[in-house]
Protein backbone atom coordinates (compact mmCIF):
# COMPACT_ATOMS: atom_id res chain seq x y z
CA MET A 1 -23.17 -0.75 5.17
CA THR A 2 -20.43 -0.48 2.56
CA ALA A 3 -16.78 -0.79 3.62
CA PRO A 4 -14.63 2.31 3.14
CA ILE A 5 -12.16 2.12 0.26
CA PHE A 6 -8.86 3.53 -0.94
CA ARG A 7 -7.34 3.18 -4.42
CA PHE A 8 -4.30 1.13 -5.44
CA LYS A 9 -3.38 1.34 -9.12
CA GLY A 10 -6.94 2.46 -9.79
CA ARG A 11 -8.45 -0.53 -8.00
CA ALA A 12 -10.86 0.01 -5.11
CA ILE A 13 -9.47 -1.67 -1.97
CA PRO A 14 -11.91 -2.10 0.93
CA PHE A 15 -10.62 -1.95 4.49
CA ARG A 16 -11.75 -2.21 8.09
CA PRO A 17 -11.33 0.71 10.49
CA GLY A 18 -7.85 0.64 12.05
CA GLU A 19 -6.40 -1.60 9.35
CA SER A 20 -3.07 -0.71 7.76
CA VAL A 21 -2.77 -0.14 4.03
CA ALA A 22 -0.59 -3.26 3.74
CA ALA A 23 -3.07 -5.45 5.63
CA ALA A 24 -5.96 -4.23 3.46
CA LEU A 25 -3.95 -4.87 0.28
CA ASP A 26 -3.05 -8.35 1.52
CA ALA A 27 -6.69 -9.10 2.36
CA ALA A 28 -7.64 -7.97 -1.16
CA GLY A 29 -5.16 -10.43 -2.68
CA VAL A 30 -2.50 -7.87 -3.66
CA THR A 31 0.85 -9.60 -3.11
CA SER A 32 3.18 -7.23 -4.95
CA LEU A 33 3.63 -3.51 -4.41
CA GLY A 34 5.67 -3.19 -7.59
CA HIS A 35 9.44 -3.39 -8.02
CA ASP A 36 12.40 -1.38 -6.79
CA ALA A 37 15.10 0.20 -8.97
CA LEU A 38 16.96 -3.14 -9.10
CA GLY A 39 13.88 -5.04 -10.24
CA GLN A 40 13.28 -6.74 -6.89
CA ALA A 41 9.66 -7.14 -5.79
CA ASN A 42 8.38 -4.75 -3.13
CA ARG A 43 5.95 -6.50 -0.82
CA TYR A 44 4.48 -6.65 2.65
CA PHE A 45 7.18 -8.42 4.65
CA CYS A 46 8.01 -7.55 8.27
CA GLY A 47 4.85 -5.64 9.19
CA ILE A 48 6.66 -3.29 11.60
CA GLY A 49 8.39 -0.81 9.29
CA ALA A 50 11.90 -2.20 9.84
CA CYS A 51 12.55 -3.54 6.34
CA GLN A 52 10.89 -0.72 4.35
CA ASN A 53 10.09 -3.26 1.65
CA CYS A 54 6.47 -2.11 1.50
CA VAL A 55 7.04 1.55 0.70
CA ALA A 56 4.62 3.22 -1.67
CA LEU A 57 3.53 6.73 -2.55
CA ILE A 58 0.49 7.40 -0.37
CA ASP A 59 -1.35 10.62 -1.14
CA GLY A 60 1.88 12.00 -2.59
CA VAL A 61 4.17 11.02 0.31
CA VAL A 62 6.54 8.03 0.47
CA ARG A 63 5.40 5.87 3.39
CA GLU A 64 5.59 2.32 4.70
CA THR A 65 2.24 0.71 3.92
CA CYS A 66 2.50 -1.54 6.99
CA LEU A 67 2.60 1.48 9.34
CA THR A 68 0.08 3.70 7.56
CA PRO A 69 -3.55 3.40 8.61
CA ALA A 70 -5.92 3.13 5.67
CA THR A 71 -8.25 6.11 5.25
CA PRO A 72 -11.17 6.57 2.88
CA GLY A 73 -10.24 8.02 -0.49
CA MET A 74 -6.46 7.75 -0.15
CA ILE A 75 -4.48 7.05 -3.31
CA VAL A 76 -1.69 4.45 -3.10
CA VAL A 77 0.81 4.24 -5.97
CA PRO A 78 3.68 1.74 -6.31
CA MET A 79 7.08 3.47 -6.28
CA GLU A 80 7.82 2.24 -9.82
CA ASP A 81 4.76 4.15 -11.02
CA ALA A 82 5.47 7.28 -8.98
CA GLY A 83 7.60 8.95 -11.64
CA GLY A 84 10.43 10.97 -10.57
């Protein structure tokens, strides 16, 4: 059986059912979610949504990746690549 996937910057990221987007990215070796407007790295940090350092555009909506369950086919885009 093949693991479900979502896309991050065009890359297929496999995940386990119930896993957050941030946990799946971390398991896939993704350590940076891009950079904020000041050039600071966005990354998975607190894991509970308090720091909002892991925000990304998920299926067109700004969300914390640590609180968002991964779902098959979702598209995750770093904020620096979101346009705006």
